[in-house]
Amino acid sequence: MLEKKHIGFIGGGAMAEALIKGLVKGSHVQPGQVTVSDIVESRLKYLETSYGVSSLMDGTEVAAKADILFLTVKPQIMGEVLDTVAPVISKSTVVVSVAAGITIAALQGKMPGVPIVRVMPNTPVAVGEGMSAIALGKYATKKIEEIVSCIFNSVGRAVTVEESAMDAVTGLSGSGPAYAFMLIDALTDAGVRVGFSRQTAVLLAAQTLLGSAKMVLETGEHPAKLRDMVTSPGGTAITGIHMLEQRAVRAAMIDAVVAATNRSREMGKK
């Protein structure tokens, strides 16, 4: 699907590296198909050495020759970057933005007629287990959706949503790793409290969450059904769940996602 496609990155930070790693290590593209631009020369040298890709300090050169162009820069400098590269971007180039809060309309205003895709990935893309939500601009076709989905599936999983759902995506999967890390930290402290070393406790906690998530994804069963499989009558698991319900942990998680979603909406209005 990506054969003979030239892929460019404006910005060579952590997100760009995660995508390059997924594409190159997964043999979706050859290193020679990828060119990266960044203002930090040492960063470009690192990406060249690590993944065999090409690099250029001049972003306009990258933008001009890319079939698929990733805008992997911070939202604060997106306007400045677009002013520089937009004039050289072809209308046949697919532009993919991962900048939080930058709408498709704002991007389209700088690049009229260009197919634009907005993506909200989360940090586990760095270990190949990210969750990414894709929103399509008016010129993005079904074929483009398939190509972009293929790229983000190389570093986890991807789902297509309406752009209006992006704030909710931010509240759930975008911010979700923070909630998961908090749970792992709490379970680790609990493990230490009942007698484990911290090293053993964090392994027990993290692997338990990893395995539980994998069961949900691979079995397709409702999480409540899987929970019931663990909770024998009068046993330890139901005793623990009772305590969690007493402390309103479920309600707190729901409230956290709602609050984060609302905060994302507020930030988008600024």
Protein backbone atom coordinates (compact mmCIF):
# COMPACT_ATOMS: atom_id res chain seq x y z
CA MET A 1 0.00 0.00 0.00
CA LEU A 2 2.91 2.34 0.74
CA GLU A 3 5.15 1.02 -1.99
CA LYS A 4 6.83 3.82 -3.95
CA LYS A 5 5.27 6.46 -1.65
CA HIS A 6 7.67 9.10 -0.40
CA ILE A 7 6.92 9.95 3.22
CA GLY A 8 8.03 13.23 4.77
CA PHE A 9 8.08 14.42 8.36
CA ILE A 10 8.17 18.06 9.42
CA GLY A 11 9.43 17.70 12.97
CA GLY A 12 11.62 14.85 14.17
CA GLY A 13 10.46 14.46 17.77
CA ALA A 14 9.14 11.48 19.71
CA MET A 15 5.95 11.05 17.66
CA ALA A 16 7.83 11.17 14.36
CA GLU A 17 10.34 8.64 15.66
CA ALA A 18 7.58 6.28 16.84
CA LEU A 19 5.94 6.36 13.41
CA ILE A 20 9.25 5.94 11.57
CA LYS A 21 10.15 3.01 13.81
CA GLY A 22 6.79 1.35 13.20
CA LEU A 23 6.96 1.83 9.45
CA VAL A 24 10.60 0.82 8.95
CA LYS A 25 10.88 -1.97 11.52
CA GLY A 26 7.54 -3.37 10.37
CA SER A 27 8.79 -3.37 6.75
CA HIS A 28 5.88 -1.20 5.60
CA VAL A 29 8.37 1.10 3.86
CA GLN A 30 12.05 1.12 3.01
CA PRO A 31 14.19 3.67 4.90
CA GLY A 32 14.95 5.41 1.61
CA GLN A 33 11.27 6.33 1.26
CA VAL A 34 11.39 8.51 4.39
CA THR A 35 12.80 12.02 4.79
CA VAL A 36 12.69 14.05 8.01
CA SER A 37 13.17 17.74 8.69
CA ASP A 38 13.95 19.26 12.06
CA ILE A 39 15.66 22.37 13.35
CA VAL A 40 18.01 20.32 15.55
CA GLU A 41 20.79 18.80 13.47
CA SER A 42 21.82 16.29 16.14
CA ARG A 43 18.28 14.94 16.18
CA LEU A 44 18.37 14.38 12.44
CA LYS A 45 21.70 12.58 12.72
CA TYR A 46 20.21 10.32 15.38
CA LEU A 47 17.23 9.40 13.18
CA GLU A 48 19.50 8.76 10.21
CA THR A 49 21.76 6.48 12.24
CA SER A 50 18.95 4.65 14.04
CA TYR A 51 16.57 4.03 11.13
CA GLY A 52 18.49 4.69 7.93
CA VAL A 53 16.18 7.49 6.81
CA SER A 54 17.20 10.67 5.02
CA SER A 55 17.09 14.12 6.54
CA LEU A 56 17.05 17.75 5.49
CA MET A 57 17.21 20.92 7.54
CA ASP A 58 14.97 22.66 5.00
CA GLY A 59 11.35 21.64 5.57
CA THR A 60 10.19 23.05 2.26
CA GLU A 61 12.29 20.48 0.39
CA VAL A 62 10.69 17.68 2.40
CA ALA A 63 7.20 19.07 1.84
CA ALA A 64 7.71 19.57 -1.88
CA LYS A 65 8.61 15.96 -2.65
CA ALA A 66 6.40 14.08 -0.15
CA ASP A 67 3.45 11.95 -1.23
CA ILE A 68 2.43 11.73 2.43
CA LEU A 69 3.53 14.60 4.68
CA PHE A 70 3.35 14.33 8.47
CA LEU A 71 3.16 17.54 10.47
CA THR A 72 4.69 16.35 13.72
CA VAL A 73 5.41 19.70 15.35
CA LYS A 74 4.04 21.34 18.47
CA PRO A 75 0.69 23.14 18.07
CA GLN A 76 2.27 26.43 19.14
CA ILE A 77 4.49 26.59 16.07
CA MET A 78 2.11 25.04 13.54
CA GLY A 79 1.14 28.43 12.07
CA GLU A 80 4.75 29.37 11.45
CA VAL A 81 5.51 25.97 9.92
CA LEU A 82 2.49 26.14 7.60
CA ASP A 83 3.42 29.61 6.41
CA THR A 84 6.75 28.14 5.31
CA VAL A 85 5.76 24.80 3.77
CA ALA A 86 2.16 25.28 2.57
CA PRO A 87 3.13 27.13 -0.66
CA VAL A 88 5.12 24.12 -1.93
CA ILE A 89 2.67 21.37 -0.98
CA SER A 90 1.01 19.74 -3.99
CA LYS A 91 -2.73 19.07 -4.05
CA SER A 92 -1.88 15.40 -4.56
CA THR A 93 0.03 15.29 -1.27
CA VAL A 94 -1.74 13.77 1.72
CA VAL A 95 -1.10 15.93 4.78
CA VAL A 96 -1.41 14.25 8.18
CA SER A 97 -1.42 16.43 11.30
CA VAL A 98 -0.95 15.08 14.82
CA ALA A 99 -0.99 18.53 16.45
CA ALA A 100 -3.57 18.61 19.25
CA GLY A 101 -6.21 21.32 18.96
CA ILE A 102 -5.42 22.31 15.36
CA THR A 103 -8.62 21.77 13.39
CA ILE A 104 -8.94 20.49 9.85
CA ALA A 105 -10.57 23.80 8.91
CA ALA A 106 -7.53 25.72 10.16
CA LEU A 107 -5.20 23.47 8.19
CA GLN A 108 -7.42 23.60 5.11
CA GLY A 109 -7.39 27.37 5.22
CA LYS A 110 -3.63 27.28 4.70
CA MET A 111 -3.75 24.45 2.16
CA PRO A 112 -6.86 24.79 -0.04
CA GLY A 113 -7.77 21.65 -1.97
CA VAL A 114 -5.15 19.49 -0.23
CA PRO A 115 -6.37 16.19 1.32
CA ILE A 116 -5.91 16.57 5.07
CA VAL A 117 -6.16 13.98 7.83
CA ARG A 118 -6.10 14.87 11.51
CA VAL A 119 -4.92 12.21 13.95
CA MET A 120 -4.95 12.04 17.73
CA PRO A 121 -2.49 9.31 18.83
CA ASN A 122 -1.48 8.58 22.40
CA THR A 123 1.95 8.05 23.93
CA PRO A 124 2.07 4.21 23.77
CA VAL A 125 2.76 4.57 20.03
CA ALA A 126 6.35 4.77 21.30
CA VAL A 127 6.19 1.05 22.17
CA GLY A 128 4.00 -0.01 19.25
CA GLU A 129 0.78 -0.18 21.29
CA GLY A 130 -0.77 3.23 20.70
CA MET A 131 -4.40 4.09 20.13
CA SER A 132 -4.98 6.62 17.36
CA ALA A 133 -8.18 8.31 16.21
CA ILE A 134 -8.35 9.51 12.60
CA ALA A 135 -10.58 12.30 11.25
CA LEU A 136 -10.80 12.95 7.51
CA GLY A 137 -10.90 16.29 5.74
CA LYS A 138 -13.26 16.91 2.83
CA TYR A 139 -10.68 15.93 0.19
CA ALA A 140 -9.52 12.75 1.96
CA THR A 141 -10.80 9.68 0.12
CA LYS A 142 -11.47 6.15 1.34
CA LYS A 143 -8.12 5.12 -0.15
CA ILE A 144 -6.37 7.82 1.85
CA GLU A 145 -8.15 6.63 4.99
CA GLU A 146 -6.84 3.11 4.36
CA ILE A 147 -3.29 4.36 3.88
CA VAL A 148 -3.28 6.49 7.03
CA SER A 149 -4.92 3.70 9.04
CA CYS A 150 -2.21 1.32 7.84
CA ILE A 151 0.47 3.71 9.07
CA PHE A 152 -1.02 4.15 12.54
CA ASN A 153 -1.88 0.47 12.84
CA SER A 154 1.87 -0.11 12.51
CA VAL A 155 2.28 1.48 15.96
CA GLY A 156 -0.85 0.11 17.63
CA ARG A 157 -4.47 0.42 16.57
CA ALA A 158 -6.45 3.08 14.75
CA VAL A 159 -10.11 4.02 14.45
CA THR A 160 -11.82 6.60 12.24
CA VAL A 161 -14.10 9.14 13.95
CA GLU A 162 -15.81 12.40 13.10
CA GLU A 163 -13.66 15.40 13.91
CA SER A 164 -16.31 16.55 16.37
CA ALA A 165 -15.37 13.54 18.53
CA MET A 166 -11.72 14.55 18.86
CA ASP A 167 -12.19 16.22 22.25
CA ALA A 168 -13.75 13.02 23.56
CA VAL A 169 -10.86 11.04 22.09
CA THR A 170 -8.49 13.36 23.95
CA GLY A 171 -10.39 12.77 27.19
CA LEU A 172 -10.44 8.99 26.84
CA SER A 173 -7.51 7.54 24.88
CA GLY A 174 -5.37 10.66 24.58
CA SER A 175 -5.28 11.23 28.34
CA GLY A 176 -5.96 7.57 29.15
CA PRO A 177 -2.33 6.49 29.58
CA ALA A 178 -2.09 8.92 32.51
CA TYR A 179 -5.03 7.17 34.17
CA ALA A 180 -3.49 3.76 33.51
CA PHE A 181 -0.12 4.83 34.91
CA MET A 182 -1.89 6.11 38.00
CA LEU A 183 -3.61 2.75 38.47
CA ILE A 184 -0.33 0.90 38.01
CA ASP A 185 1.34 3.21 40.54
CA ALA A 186 -1.47 2.65 43.05
CA LEU A 187 -1.40 -1.14 42.57
CA THR A 188 2.39 -1.04 42.96
CA ASP A 189 2.07 0.80 46.28
CA ALA A 190 -0.52 -1.76 47.31
CA GLY A 191 1.91 -4.54 46.46
CA VAL A 192 4.60 -2.93 48.57
CA ARG A 193 2.05 -2.54 51.38
CA VAL A 194 1.34 -6.28 51.41
CA GLY A 195 5.02 -7.22 51.39
CA PHE A 196 6.51 -7.21 47.89
CA SER A 197 9.60 -5.33 46.79
CA ARG A 198 8.75 -2.34 44.61
CA GLN A 199 10.39 -3.99 41.59
CA THR A 200 8.25 -7.11 41.97
CA ALA A 201 5.12 -5.08 42.73
CA VAL A 202 5.39 -2.92 39.61
CA LEU A 203 5.93 -6.02 37.46
CA LEU A 204 2.85 -7.70 38.98
CA ALA A 205 0.75 -4.55 38.51
CA ALA A 206 1.84 -3.60 34.99
CA GLN A 207 1.69 -7.11 33.54
CA THR A 208 -1.74 -7.63 35.09
CA LEU A 209 -3.13 -4.55 33.34
CA LEU A 210 -1.40 -5.49 30.09
CA GLY A 211 -2.80 -9.02 30.17
CA SER A 212 -6.28 -7.82 31.09
CA ALA A 213 -6.34 -5.33 28.21
CA LYS A 214 -5.14 -8.02 25.81
CA MET A 215 -7.96 -10.35 26.92
CA VAL A 216 -10.56 -7.66 26.19
CA LEU A 217 -9.15 -7.00 22.72
CA GLU A 218 -8.50 -10.58 21.69
CA THR A 219 -11.63 -12.26 23.08
CA GLY A 220 -14.07 -9.50 22.10
CA GLU A 221 -15.95 -10.17 25.33
CA HIS A 222 -17.52 -7.38 27.38
CA PRO A 223 -15.18 -6.35 30.21
CA ALA A 224 -17.95 -7.05 32.73
CA LYS A 225 -18.17 -10.68 31.54
CA LEU A 226 -14.42 -11.11 31.88
CA ARG A 227 -14.59 -9.55 35.33
CA ASP A 228 -17.30 -12.04 36.33
CA MET A 229 -15.01 -14.89 35.27
CA VAL A 230 -12.53 -13.76 37.94
CA THR A 231 -15.03 -13.10 40.73
CA SER A 232 -15.99 -16.37 42.40
CA PRO A 233 -18.74 -16.25 45.07
CA GLY A 234 -17.42 -14.97 48.39
CA GLY A 235 -13.88 -14.86 46.98
CA THR A 236 -11.03 -12.37 47.02
CA ALA A 237 -11.80 -10.56 43.77
CA ILE A 238 -15.41 -9.73 44.64
CA THR A 239 -14.23 -8.52 48.05
CA GLY A 240 -11.80 -6.16 46.33
CA ILE A 241 -14.42 -5.01 43.80
CA HIS A 242 -16.84 -4.27 46.64
CA MET A 243 -14.24 -1.97 48.18
CA LEU A 244 -13.62 -0.23 44.83
CA GLU A 245 -17.37 0.34 44.41
CA GLN A 246 -17.61 1.71 47.94
CA ARG A 247 -14.84 4.18 47.13
CA ALA A 248 -16.59 5.13 43.84
CA VAL A 249 -13.57 4.28 41.68
CA ARG A 250 -15.79 3.58 38.66
CA ALA A 251 -17.55 6.96 38.98
CA ALA A 252 -14.19 8.71 39.44
CA MET A 253 -12.90 7.23 36.17
CA ILE A 254 -16.01 8.34 34.30
CA ASP A 255 -15.77 11.82 35.82
CA ALA A 256 -12.08 12.02 34.85
CA VAL A 257 -12.82 11.32 31.17
CA VAL A 258 -15.71 13.81 31.12
CA ALA A 259 -13.59 16.50 32.80
CA ALA A 260 -10.67 15.93 30.42
CA THR A 261 -13.03 16.07 27.43
CA ASN A 262 -14.50 19.37 28.62
CA ARG A 263 -11.04 20.78 29.23
CA SER A 264 -10.02 19.83 25.69
CA ARG A 265 -13.03 21.71 24.35
CA GLU A 266 -12.12 24.77 26.43
CA MET A 267 -8.53 24.72 25.18
CA GLY A 268 -9.69 24.41 21.59
CA LYS A 269 -11.66 27.66 21.89
CA LYS A 270 -8.61 29.69 22.91
